[in-house]
Amino acid sequence: MVFDQLHRYLFNQGNVRGEMVRLEKSFQAILDSYPYPPVIQQLLGELMAAASLLTATLKFEGDIAIQIQGEGPLSYAVINGTHNQQLRGVARWDEELEFLPNTFSELVKKGVLVITISPKKGERYQGMVALDKPTLAGCIEGYFQQSEQLATKVILRTQLIDKQAKACGMLLQVLPTSSQATDKADTAFEHLSALTDTIKDEELFELAAEDILHRLYHQEELELYPATNVVFKCGCSKDRSAKALTAVSKVELLDIVAKDGAIKMNCQYCHSEFSFDAIDVESIHAGTFNISAGRA
């Protein structure tokens, strides 16, 4: 059984498209970066599966970010994904709380879901919807209904087992079409949505992808496309951190080194730490900083 893959398929007779993603190593990489409580781990898994599903809808090279902002115990959570299924994510919550609520609604009180699409070429687009449904999946369905008027079904599941955590997601969506074909597509969508609702956790987490699709849709005309690998990739580096330091004056940077012994920069996604001493500062502002030269 293979995880960390996205599967796309099309119901030709119903003009409905589908996606299924199942994550393991890519999800565990996020959990390994910080000691997230179980309820935050679960939300990150659902958010990561959702980001993969939505990233697959991009018809161009670019990035997508699915972000939650709230006034409850969870203040912030985001998953960034690229058109080639490279994902990273982070969450922020009130770490002083001894106990966190178990329900989505209590965890993200007065929350909003922000979806930002950033193509490499073209204008950036951002949509927003209130987190007023009892689940993240329901909120994403509401987003598509509000922003694109497309009937959408989303299923998000997480299984938390130490060092073997898994997250799965499924998406069905009516394809934009002529008004005459819309009624037919909506009818097919309702039928396929009802079939998809019968999926069980043990099937999602334990069966091969092809077996899952056969169990659900064996009576449907389904066209399955080649799977796409999904990976965790942060993208941070000491070189990128060094470039950020060029925006700060050399005098100010050397003052920090003199006071603290070094400049330390932390990646908010993977929590890697990059340290710069006085020699690094001099080379950064001289334009000669080079990790390969041995000063990593």
C-alpha atoms as a PDB file:
ATOM      1  CA  MET A   1       0.000   0.000   0.000  1.00  0.00           C
ATOM      2  CA  VAL A   2       1.414   3.377  -1.056  1.00  0.00           C
ATOM      3  CA  PHE A   3       0.796   6.620   0.830  1.00  0.00           C
ATOM      4  CA  ASP A   4       1.913  10.190   0.085  1.00  0.00           C
ATOM      5  CA  GLN A   5       0.171  10.149  -3.261  1.00  0.00           C
ATOM      6  CA  LEU A   6      -2.668  12.113  -4.819  1.00  0.00           C
ATOM      7  CA  HIS A   7      -5.073  10.308  -7.131  1.00  0.00           C
ATOM      8  CA  ARG A   8      -7.229  12.208  -9.622  1.00  0.00           C
ATOM      9  CA  TYR A   9     -10.174  10.669 -11.450  1.00  0.00           C
ATOM     10  CA  LEU A  10     -13.073  11.673 -13.640  1.00  0.00           C
ATOM     11  CA  PHE A  11     -16.627  10.361 -13.837  1.00  0.00           C
ATOM     12  CA  ASN A  12     -17.186  10.757 -17.554  1.00  0.00           C
ATOM     13  CA  GLN A  13     -20.927  10.152 -17.561  1.00  0.00           C
ATOM     14  CA  GLY A  14     -21.613  12.524 -14.694  1.00  0.00           C
ATOM     15  CA  ASN A  15     -19.246  15.389 -15.557  1.00  0.00           C
ATOM     16  CA  VAL A  16     -17.870  15.187 -12.015  1.00  0.00           C
ATOM     17  CA  ARG A  17     -14.225  15.066 -11.038  1.00  0.00           C
ATOM     18  CA  GLY A  18     -12.741  13.436  -7.981  1.00  0.00           C
ATOM     19  CA  GLU A  19      -9.529  13.397  -5.978  1.00  0.00           C
ATOM     20  CA  MET A  20      -8.151  11.288  -3.164  1.00  0.00           C
ATOM     21  CA  VAL A  21      -4.983  11.913  -1.182  1.00  0.00           C
ATOM     22  CA  ARG A  22      -3.388   9.841   1.535  1.00  0.00           C
ATOM     23  CA  LEU A  23      -0.475  11.178   3.565  1.00  0.00           C
ATOM     24  CA  GLU A  24       1.953   9.530   5.943  1.00  0.00           C
ATOM     25  CA  LYS A  25       5.635  10.526   5.786  1.00  0.00           C
ATOM     26  CA  SER A  26       4.822  14.035   4.560  1.00  0.00           C
ATOM     27  CA  PHE A  27       2.338  14.482   7.428  1.00  0.00           C
ATOM     28  CA  GLN A  28       4.661  12.965  10.017  1.00  0.00           C
ATOM     29  CA  ALA A  29       7.406  15.398   8.941  1.00  0.00           C
ATOM     30  CA  ILE A  30       5.235  18.311  10.096  1.00  0.00           C
ATOM     31  CA  LEU A  31       4.457  16.589  13.402  1.00  0.00           C
ATOM     32  CA  ASP A  32       8.146  15.849  13.990  1.00  0.00           C
ATOM     33  CA  SER A  33       9.016  19.535  13.725  1.00  0.00           C
ATOM     34  CA  TYR A  34       7.227  20.558  16.941  1.00  0.00           C
ATOM     35  CA  PRO A  35       5.412  18.912  19.906  1.00  0.00           C
ATOM     36  CA  TYR A  36       1.866  19.655  18.779  1.00  0.00           C
ATOM     37  CA  PRO A  37      -0.970  18.439  21.038  1.00  0.00           C
ATOM     38  CA  PRO A  38      -3.156  15.676  19.516  1.00  0.00           C
ATOM     39  CA  VAL A  39      -6.073  17.987  18.650  1.00  0.00           C
ATOM     40  CA  ILE A  40      -3.678  20.336  16.816  1.00  0.00           C
ATOM     41  CA  GLN A  41      -2.077  17.352  15.067  1.00  0.00           C
ATOM     42  CA  GLN A  42      -5.500  16.254  13.878  1.00  0.00           C
ATOM     43  CA  LEU A  43      -6.324  19.692  12.516  1.00  0.00           C
ATOM     44  CA  LEU A  44      -2.953  19.949  10.748  1.00  0.00           C
ATOM     45  CA  GLY A  45      -3.576  16.556   9.148  1.00  0.00           C
ATOM     46  CA  GLU A  46      -6.983  17.631   7.857  1.00  0.00           C
ATOM     47  CA  LEU A  47      -5.579  20.953   6.689  1.00  0.00           C
ATOM     48  CA  MET A  48      -2.699  19.240   4.916  1.00  0.00           C
ATOM     49  CA  ALA A  49      -4.997  16.800   3.117  1.00  0.00           C
ATOM     50  CA  ALA A  50      -7.255  19.702   2.130  1.00  0.00           C
ATOM     51  CA  ALA A  51      -4.292  21.702   0.808  1.00  0.00           C
ATOM     52  CA  SER A  52      -3.197  18.785  -1.349  1.00  0.00           C
ATOM     53  CA  LEU A  53      -6.699  18.367  -2.772  1.00  0.00           C
ATOM     54  CA  LEU A  54      -7.038  22.066  -3.534  1.00  0.00           C
ATOM     55  CA  THR A  55      -3.523  22.331  -4.934  1.00  0.00           C
ATOM     56  CA  ALA A  56      -4.487  19.646  -7.443  1.00  0.00           C
ATOM     57  CA  THR A  57      -7.180  21.990  -8.785  1.00  0.00           C
ATOM     58  CA  LEU A  58      -4.543  24.498  -9.938  1.00  0.00           C
ATOM     59  CA  LYS A  59      -4.215  24.640 -13.715  1.00  0.00           C
ATOM     60  CA  PHE A  60      -0.980  26.630 -13.628  1.00  0.00           C
ATOM     61  CA  GLU A  61       2.357  26.787 -11.849  1.00  0.00           C
ATOM     62  CA  GLY A  62       2.016  28.481  -8.497  1.00  0.00           C
ATOM     63  CA  ASP A  63       1.278  28.134  -4.804  1.00  0.00           C
ATOM     64  CA  ILE A  64      -1.778  27.816  -2.625  1.00  0.00           C
ATOM     65  CA  ALA A  65      -2.100  28.571   1.081  1.00  0.00           C
ATOM     66  CA  ILE A  66      -4.960  27.389   3.277  1.00  0.00           C
ATOM     67  CA  GLN A  67      -4.965  29.389   6.468  1.00  0.00           C
ATOM     68  CA  ILE A  68      -7.096  29.382   9.601  1.00  0.00           C
ATOM     69  CA  GLN A  69      -7.279  32.460  11.808  1.00  0.00           C
ATOM     70  CA  GLY A  70      -9.278  32.453  15.015  1.00  0.00           C
ATOM     71  CA  GLU A  71      -9.818  33.971  18.431  1.00  0.00           C
ATOM     72  CA  GLY A  72     -10.084  30.652  20.263  1.00  0.00           C
ATOM     73  CA  PRO A  73      -7.296  28.483  21.682  1.00  0.00           C
ATOM     74  CA  LEU A  74      -5.950  28.097  18.126  1.00  0.00           C
ATOM     75  CA  SER A  75      -4.906  31.462  16.739  1.00  0.00           C
ATOM     76  CA  TYR A  76      -3.287  30.417  13.489  1.00  0.00           C
ATOM     77  CA  ALA A  77      -2.691  27.381  11.283  1.00  0.00           C
ATOM     78  CA  VAL A  78      -1.529  27.271   7.687  1.00  0.00           C
ATOM     79  CA  ILE A  79      -0.507  24.762   5.054  1.00  0.00           C
ATOM     80  CA  ASN A  80       1.333  25.980   1.955  1.00  0.00           C
ATOM     81  CA  GLY A  81       1.359  23.830  -1.173  1.00  0.00           C
ATOM     82  CA  THR A  82       2.850  24.087  -4.636  1.00  0.00           C
ATOM     83  CA  HIS A  83       1.444  22.945  -7.983  1.00  0.00           C
ATOM     84  CA  ASN A  84       3.764  19.908  -7.803  1.00  0.00           C
ATOM     85  CA  GLN A  85       2.472  18.808  -4.372  1.00  0.00           C
ATOM     86  CA  GLN A  86       5.221  20.092  -2.083  1.00  0.00           C
ATOM     87  CA  LEU A  87       3.624  20.916   1.278  1.00  0.00           C
ATOM     88  CA  ARG A  88       4.680  22.549   4.531  1.00  0.00           C
ATOM     89  CA  GLY A  89       2.735  23.839   7.512  1.00  0.00           C
ATOM     90  CA  VAL A  90       2.672  25.267  11.014  1.00  0.00           C
ATOM     91  CA  ALA A  91       0.174  26.045  13.781  1.00  0.00           C
ATOM     92  CA  ARG A  92       0.080  28.476  16.686  1.00  0.00           C
ATOM     93  CA  TRP A  93      -2.064  28.049  19.787  1.00  0.00           C
ATOM     94  CA  ASP A  94      -2.214  29.145  23.411  1.00  0.00           C
ATOM     95  CA  GLU A  95       0.464  26.882  24.865  1.00  0.00           C
ATOM     96  CA  GLU A  96      -0.336  28.026  28.388  1.00  0.00           C
ATOM     97  CA  LEU A  97      -3.650  26.161  28.318  1.00  0.00           C
ATOM     98  CA  GLU A  98      -3.511  22.877  30.190  1.00  0.00           C
ATOM     99  CA  PHE A  99      -6.372  21.403  28.184  1.00  0.00           C
ATOM    100  CA  LEU A 100      -7.567  22.130  24.660  1.00  0.00           C
ATOM    101  CA  PRO A 101     -11.157  21.643  23.440  1.00  0.00           C
ATOM    102  CA  ASN A 102     -11.821  18.574  21.338  1.00  0.00           C
ATOM    103  CA  THR A 103     -14.268  20.137  18.895  1.00  0.00           C
ATOM    104  CA  PHE A 104     -13.364  22.141  15.815  1.00  0.00           C
ATOM    105  CA  SER A 105     -15.837  24.937  16.639  1.00  0.00           C
ATOM    106  CA  GLU A 106     -14.430  25.520  20.127  1.00  0.00           C
ATOM    107  CA  LEU A 107     -10.845  25.335  18.918  1.00  0.00           C
ATOM    108  CA  VAL A 108     -11.273  28.071  16.280  1.00  0.00           C
ATOM    109  CA  LYS A 109     -13.826  30.436  17.797  1.00  0.00           C
ATOM    110  CA  LYS A 110     -14.751  33.383  15.565  1.00  0.00           C
ATOM    111  CA  GLY A 111     -12.469  31.895  12.940  1.00  0.00           C
ATOM    112  CA  VAL A 112     -12.063  32.496   9.226  1.00  0.00           C
ATOM    113  CA  LEU A 113     -10.683  30.303   6.480  1.00  0.00           C
ATOM    114  CA  VAL A 114      -8.448  32.160   4.043  1.00  0.00           C
ATOM    115  CA  ILE A 115      -7.418  30.529   0.766  1.00  0.00           C
ATOM    116  CA  THR A 116      -4.711  32.345  -1.185  1.00  0.00           C
ATOM    117  CA  ILE A 117      -3.731  31.343  -4.719  1.00  0.00           C
ATOM    118  CA  SER A 118      -0.459  32.789  -6.036  1.00  0.00           C
ATOM    119  CA  PRO A 119       0.339  31.918  -9.661  1.00  0.00           C
ATOM    120  CA  LYS A 120       3.883  32.415 -10.888  1.00  0.00           C
ATOM    121  CA  LYS A 121       2.387  34.435 -13.710  1.00  0.00           C
ATOM    122  CA  GLY A 122      -0.720  36.499 -13.153  1.00  0.00           C
ATOM    123  CA  GLU A 123      -2.575  38.097 -10.303  1.00  0.00           C
ATOM    124  CA  ARG A 124      -2.806  36.759  -6.777  1.00  0.00           C
ATOM    125  CA  TYR A 125      -6.278  35.716  -5.611  1.00  0.00           C
ATOM    126  CA  GLN A 126      -7.570  35.466  -2.059  1.00  0.00           C
ATOM    127  CA  GLY A 127     -10.905  34.142  -0.851  1.00  0.00           C
ATOM    128  CA  MET A 128     -12.317  34.035   2.656  1.00  0.00           C
ATOM    129  CA  VAL A 129     -15.172  32.266   4.420  1.00  0.00           C
ATOM    130  CA  ALA A 130     -16.288  32.121   8.043  1.00  0.00           C
ATOM    131  CA  LEU A 131     -15.523  28.950   9.983  1.00  0.00           C
ATOM    132  CA  ASP A 132     -19.179  28.534  10.893  1.00  0.00           C
ATOM    133  CA  LYS A 133     -19.509  24.794  10.209  1.00  0.00           C
ATOM    134  CA  PRO A 134     -18.739  22.042  12.744  1.00  0.00           C
ATOM    135  CA  THR A 135     -15.917  20.620  10.607  1.00  0.00           C
ATOM    136  CA  LEU A 136     -13.115  21.905   8.405  1.00  0.00           C
ATOM    137  CA  ALA A 137     -14.458  19.800   5.534  1.00  0.00           C
ATOM    138  CA  GLY A 138     -17.847  21.511   5.825  1.00  0.00           C
ATOM    139  CA  CYS A 139     -16.203  24.943   5.792  1.00  0.00           C
ATOM    140  CA  ILE A 140     -14.264  24.131   2.621  1.00  0.00           C
ATOM    141  CA  GLU A 141     -17.462  22.941   0.952  1.00  0.00           C
ATOM    142  CA  GLY A 142     -19.033  26.254   1.946  1.00  0.00           C
ATOM    143  CA  TYR A 143     -16.079  28.137   0.478  1.00  0.00           C
ATOM    144  CA  PHE A 144     -16.559  26.550  -2.954  1.00  0.00           C
ATOM    145  CA  GLN A 145     -20.306  27.100  -2.839  1.00  0.00           C
ATOM    146  CA  GLN A 146     -19.795  30.754  -1.960  1.00  0.00           C
ATOM    147  CA  SER A 147     -16.846  31.622  -4.192  1.00  0.00           C
ATOM    148  CA  GLU A 148     -17.393  29.447  -7.269  1.00  0.00           C
ATOM    149  CA  GLN A 149     -20.992  28.172  -6.954  1.00  0.00           C
ATOM    150  CA  LEU A 150     -19.732  24.638  -7.557  1.00  0.00           C
ATOM    151  CA  ALA A 151     -21.258  21.696  -5.700  1.00  0.00           C
ATOM    152  CA  THR A 152     -18.365  20.175  -3.734  1.00  0.00           C
ATOM    153  CA  LYS A 153     -18.000  17.228  -1.398  1.00  0.00           C
ATOM    154  CA  VAL A 154     -15.013  17.035   0.959  1.00  0.00           C
ATOM    155  CA  ILE A 155     -14.028  14.248   3.348  1.00  0.00           C
ATOM    156  CA  LEU A 156     -11.054  14.706   5.709  1.00  0.00           C
ATOM    157  CA  ARG A 157      -9.837  12.030   8.117  1.00  0.00           C
ATOM    158  CA  THR A 158      -6.812  11.743  10.420  1.00  0.00           C
ATOM    159  CA  GLN A 159      -5.352   8.744  12.220  1.00  0.00           C
ATOM    160  CA  LEU A 160      -2.874   9.517  14.989  1.00  0.00           C
ATOM    161  CA  ILE A 161      -0.458   6.711  15.807  1.00  0.00           C
ATOM    162  CA  ASP A 162       2.942   7.579  17.239  1.00  0.00           C
ATOM    163  CA  LYS A 163       5.418   8.143  14.382  1.00  0.00           C
ATOM    164  CA  GLN A 164       2.926   6.642  11.918  1.00  0.00           C
ATOM    165  CA  ALA A 165       0.270   9.348  11.744  1.00  0.00           C
ATOM    166  CA  LYS A 166      -1.836   9.403   8.576  1.00  0.00           C
ATOM    167  CA  ALA A 167      -4.162  11.913   6.975  1.00  0.00           C
ATOM    168  CA  CYS A 168      -6.584  11.234   4.126  1.00  0.00           C
ATOM    169  CA  GLY A 169      -8.899  13.347   2.061  1.00  0.00           C
ATOM    170  CA  MET A 170     -11.416  12.980  -0.762  1.00  0.00           C
ATOM    171  CA  LEU A 171     -12.994  15.626  -2.961  1.00  0.00           C
ATOM    172  CA  LEU A 172     -15.831  15.508  -5.469  1.00  0.00           C
ATOM    173  CA  GLN A 173     -16.774  18.508  -7.555  1.00  0.00           C
ATOM    174  CA  VAL A 174     -19.126  19.273 -10.413  1.00  0.00           C
ATOM    175  CA  LEU A 175     -17.208  20.516 -13.438  1.00  0.00           C
ATOM    176  CA  PRO A 176     -18.215  23.909 -14.859  1.00  0.00           C
ATOM    177  CA  THR A 177     -20.400  23.219 -17.880  1.00  0.00           C
ATOM    178  CA  SER A 178     -23.383  24.423 -19.902  1.00  0.00           C
ATOM    179  CA  SER A 179     -26.662  25.168 -18.121  1.00  0.00           C
ATOM    180  CA  GLN A 180     -28.381  22.236 -19.859  1.00  0.00           C
ATOM    181  CA  ALA A 181     -25.757  19.789 -18.583  1.00  0.00           C
ATOM    182  CA  THR A 182     -25.708  21.303 -15.113  1.00  0.00           C
ATOM    183  CA  ASP A 183     -28.888  19.562 -13.928  1.00  0.00           C
ATOM    184  CA  LYS A 184     -27.539  16.210 -15.085  1.00  0.00           C
ATOM    185  CA  ALA A 185     -24.183  16.868 -13.395  1.00  0.00           C
ATOM    186  CA  ASP A 186     -25.894  17.886 -10.155  1.00  0.00           C
ATOM    187  CA  THR A 187     -27.922  14.681 -10.145  1.00  0.00           C
ATOM    188  CA  ALA A 188     -24.783  12.613 -10.746  1.00  0.00           C
ATOM    189  CA  PHE A 189     -22.972  14.553  -8.035  1.00  0.00           C
ATOM    190  CA  GLU A 190     -25.657  13.792  -5.462  1.00  0.00           C
ATOM    191  CA  HIS A 191     -25.442  10.089  -6.318  1.00  0.00           C
ATOM    192  CA  LEU A 192     -21.623  10.016  -6.179  1.00  0.00           C
ATOM    193  CA  SER A 193     -21.603  12.085  -3.000  1.00  0.00           C
ATOM    194  CA  ALA A 194     -23.873   9.544  -1.313  1.00  0.00           C
ATOM    195  CA  LEU A 195     -21.516   6.741  -2.370  1.00  0.00           C
ATOM    196  CA  THR A 196     -18.494   8.649  -1.089  1.00  0.00           C
ATOM    197  CA  ASP A 197     -20.163   9.159   2.290  1.00  0.00           C
ATOM    198  CA  THR A 198     -20.068   5.398   2.836  1.00  0.00           C
ATOM    199  CA  ILE A 199     -16.252   5.332   3.058  1.00  0.00           C
ATOM    200  CA  LYS A 200     -14.975   3.965   6.346  1.00  0.00           C
ATOM    201  CA  ASP A 201     -11.806   5.000   8.171  1.00  0.00           C
ATOM    202  CA  GLU A 202     -10.324   1.514   8.002  1.00  0.00           C
ATOM    203  CA  GLU A 203     -10.803   1.520   4.234  1.00  0.00           C
ATOM    204  CA  LEU A 204      -9.119   4.873   3.768  1.00  0.00           C
ATOM    205  CA  PHE A 205      -6.178   4.014   5.997  1.00  0.00           C
ATOM    206  CA  GLU A 206      -5.681   0.329   5.187  1.00  0.00           C
ATOM    207  CA  LEU A 207      -6.687  -0.416   1.577  1.00  0.00           C
ATOM    208  CA  ALA A 208      -4.850   0.328  -1.652  1.00  0.00           C
ATOM    209  CA  ALA A 209      -6.136   3.397  -3.477  1.00  0.00           C
ATOM    210  CA  GLU A 210      -7.436   1.374  -6.428  1.00  0.00           C
ATOM    211  CA  ASP A 211      -9.335  -0.939  -4.063  1.00  0.00           C
ATOM    212  CA  ILE A 212     -10.991   2.031  -2.350  1.00  0.00           C
ATOM    213  CA  LEU A 213     -12.164   3.472  -5.641  1.00  0.00           C
ATOM    214  CA  HIS A 214     -13.430   0.088  -6.813  1.00  0.00           C
ATOM    215  CA  ARG A 215     -15.408  -0.450  -3.606  1.00  0.00           C
ATOM    216  CA  LEU A 216     -17.030   2.955  -3.842  1.00  0.00           C
ATOM    217  CA  TYR A 217     -17.566   3.360  -7.574  1.00  0.00           C
ATOM    218  CA  HIS A 218     -17.406  -0.100  -9.214  1.00  0.00           C
ATOM    219  CA  GLN A 219     -20.667   0.585 -11.053  1.00  0.00           C
ATOM    220  CA  GLU A 220     -19.487   3.954 -12.401  1.00  0.00           C
ATOM    221  CA  GLU A 221     -17.490   4.807 -15.520  1.00  0.00           C
ATOM    222  CA  LEU A 222     -14.341   6.156 -13.887  1.00  0.00           C
ATOM    223  CA  GLU A 223     -11.156   7.381 -15.595  1.00  0.00           C
ATOM    224  CA  LEU A 224      -8.173   7.245 -13.229  1.00  0.00           C
ATOM    225  CA  TYR A 225      -5.097   9.388 -13.939  1.00  0.00           C
ATOM    226  CA  PRO A 226      -1.506   8.573 -12.895  1.00  0.00           C
ATOM    227  CA  ALA A 227      -0.811   9.272  -9.221  1.00  0.00           C
ATOM    228  CA  THR A 228       1.201  12.316  -8.120  1.00  0.00           C
ATOM    229  CA  ASN A 229       3.681  12.047  -5.259  1.00  0.00           C
ATOM    230  CA  VAL A 230       3.163  14.359  -2.273  1.00  0.00           C
ATOM    231  CA  VAL A 231       6.159  15.468  -0.201  1.00  0.00           C
ATOM    232  CA  PHE A 232       6.942  17.687   2.748  1.00  0.00           C
ATOM    233  CA  LYS A 233       9.364  20.381   1.657  1.00  0.00           C
ATOM    234  CA  CYS A 234      10.062  23.482   3.648  1.00  0.00           C
ATOM    235  CA  GLY A 235      12.334  25.438   1.329  1.00  0.00           C
ATOM    236  CA  CYS A 236      14.210  27.230   4.081  1.00  0.00           C
ATOM    237  CA  SER A 237      18.013  27.469   3.952  1.00  0.00           C
ATOM    238  CA  LYS A 238      20.878  29.381   5.469  1.00  0.00           C
ATOM    239  CA  ASP A 239      21.394  31.147   2.132  1.00  0.00           C
ATOM    240  CA  ARG A 240      17.804  32.460   2.150  1.00  0.00           C
ATOM    241  CA  SER A 241      18.203  33.603   5.740  1.00  0.00           C
ATOM    242  CA  ALA A 242      21.445  35.352   4.819  1.00  0.00           C
ATOM    243  CA  LYS A 243      19.691  37.197   1.993  1.00  0.00           C
ATOM    244  CA  ALA A 244      17.076  38.413   4.470  1.00  0.00           C
ATOM    245  CA  LEU A 245      19.849  39.871   6.633  1.00  0.00           C
ATOM    246  CA  THR A 246      21.036  42.107   3.800  1.00  0.00           C
ATOM    247  CA  ALA A 247      18.027  44.323   4.554  1.00  0.00           C
ATOM    248  CA  VAL A 248      19.467  45.079   8.020  1.00  0.00           C
ATOM    249  CA  SER A 249      22.464  47.386   8.454  1.00  0.00           C
ATOM    250  CA  LYS A 250      25.823  45.783   9.202  1.00  0.00           C
ATOM    251  CA  VAL A 251      26.237  47.910  12.316  1.00  0.00           C
ATOM    252  CA  GLU A 252      22.939  46.699  13.756  1.00  0.00           C
ATOM    253  CA  LEU A 253      23.779  43.067  12.982  1.00  0.00           C
ATOM    254  CA  LEU A 254      27.223  43.321  14.587  1.00  0.00           C
ATOM    255  CA  ASP A 255      25.633  44.864  17.670  1.00  0.00           C
ATOM    256  CA  ILE A 256      23.372  41.792  17.955  1.00  0.00           C
ATOM    257  CA  VAL A 257      26.379  39.474  17.611  1.00  0.00           C
ATOM    258  CA  ALA A 258      28.280  41.409  20.266  1.00  0.00           C
ATOM    259  CA  LYS A 259      25.325  41.189  22.643  1.00  0.00           C
ATOM    260  CA  ASP A 260      24.061  37.643  21.992  1.00  0.00           C
ATOM    261  CA  GLY A 261      27.115  35.914  20.563  1.00  0.00           C
ATOM    262  CA  ALA A 262      25.405  35.224  17.245  1.00  0.00           C
ATOM    263  CA  ILE A 263      22.359  36.055  15.154  1.00  0.00           C
ATOM    264  CA  LYS A 264      19.926  33.145  15.280  1.00  0.00           C
ATOM    265  CA  MET A 265      17.073  32.786  12.814  1.00  0.00           C
ATOM    266  CA  ASN A 266      14.394  30.113  13.119  1.00  0.00           C
ATOM    267  CA  CYS A 267      12.160  28.735  10.372  1.00  0.00           C
ATOM    268  CA  GLN A 268       8.530  28.913  11.478  1.00  0.00           C
ATOM    269  CA  TYR A 269       7.663  25.807   9.436  1.00  0.00           C
ATOM    270  CA  CYS A 270      10.333  23.202  10.203  1.00  0.00           C
ATOM    271  CA  HIS A 271      11.915  25.034  13.175  1.00  0.00           C
ATOM    272  CA  SER A 272      15.425  24.751  11.728  1.00  0.00           C
ATOM    273  CA  GLU A 273      17.827  27.271  13.267  1.00  0.00           C
ATOM    274  CA  PHE A 274      20.473  29.175  11.340  1.00  0.00           C
ATOM    275  CA  SER A 275      23.274  30.969  13.191  1.00  0.00           C
ATOM    276  CA  PHE A 276      25.446  33.831  11.925  1.00  0.00           C
ATOM    277  CA  ASP A 277      28.600  35.180  13.592  1.00  0.00           C
ATOM    278  CA  ALA A 278      30.562  38.388  12.977  1.00  0.00           C
ATOM    279  CA  ILE A 279      32.516  36.866  10.076  1.00  0.00           C
ATOM    280  CA  ASP A 280      29.229  35.826   8.446  1.00  0.00           C
ATOM    281  CA  VAL A 281      27.852  39.349   8.840  1.00  0.00           C
ATOM    282  CA  GLU A 282      30.924  40.868   7.194  1.00  0.00           C
ATOM    283  CA  SER A 283      30.725  38.453   4.253  1.00  0.00           C
ATOM    284  CA  ILE A 284      26.964  38.895   3.871  1.00  0.00           C
ATOM    285  CA  HIS A 285      27.299  42.650   3.481  1.00  0.00           C
ATOM    286  CA  ALA A 286      30.363  42.259   1.272  1.00  0.00           C
ATOM    287  CA  GLY A 287      28.388  39.981  -1.019  1.00  0.00           C
ATOM    288  CA  THR A 288      30.774  37.061  -0.542  1.00  0.00           C
ATOM    289  CA  PHE A 289      28.774  34.854   1.834  1.00  0.00           C
ATOM    290  CA  ASN A 290      28.895  31.253   0.638  1.00  0.00           C
ATOM    291  CA  ILE A 291      27.813  28.210   2.599  1.00  0.00           C
ATOM    292  CA  SER A 292      29.755  25.881   0.307  1.00  0.00           C
ATOM    293  CA  ALA A 293      32.921  27.662   1.373  1.00  0.00           C
ATOM    294  CA  GLY A 294      32.572  25.992   4.757  1.00  0.00           C
ATOM    295  CA  ARG A 295      30.717  28.529   6.875  1.00  0.00           C
ATOM    296  CA  ALA A 296      27.371  26.685   7.142  1.00  0.00           C
END
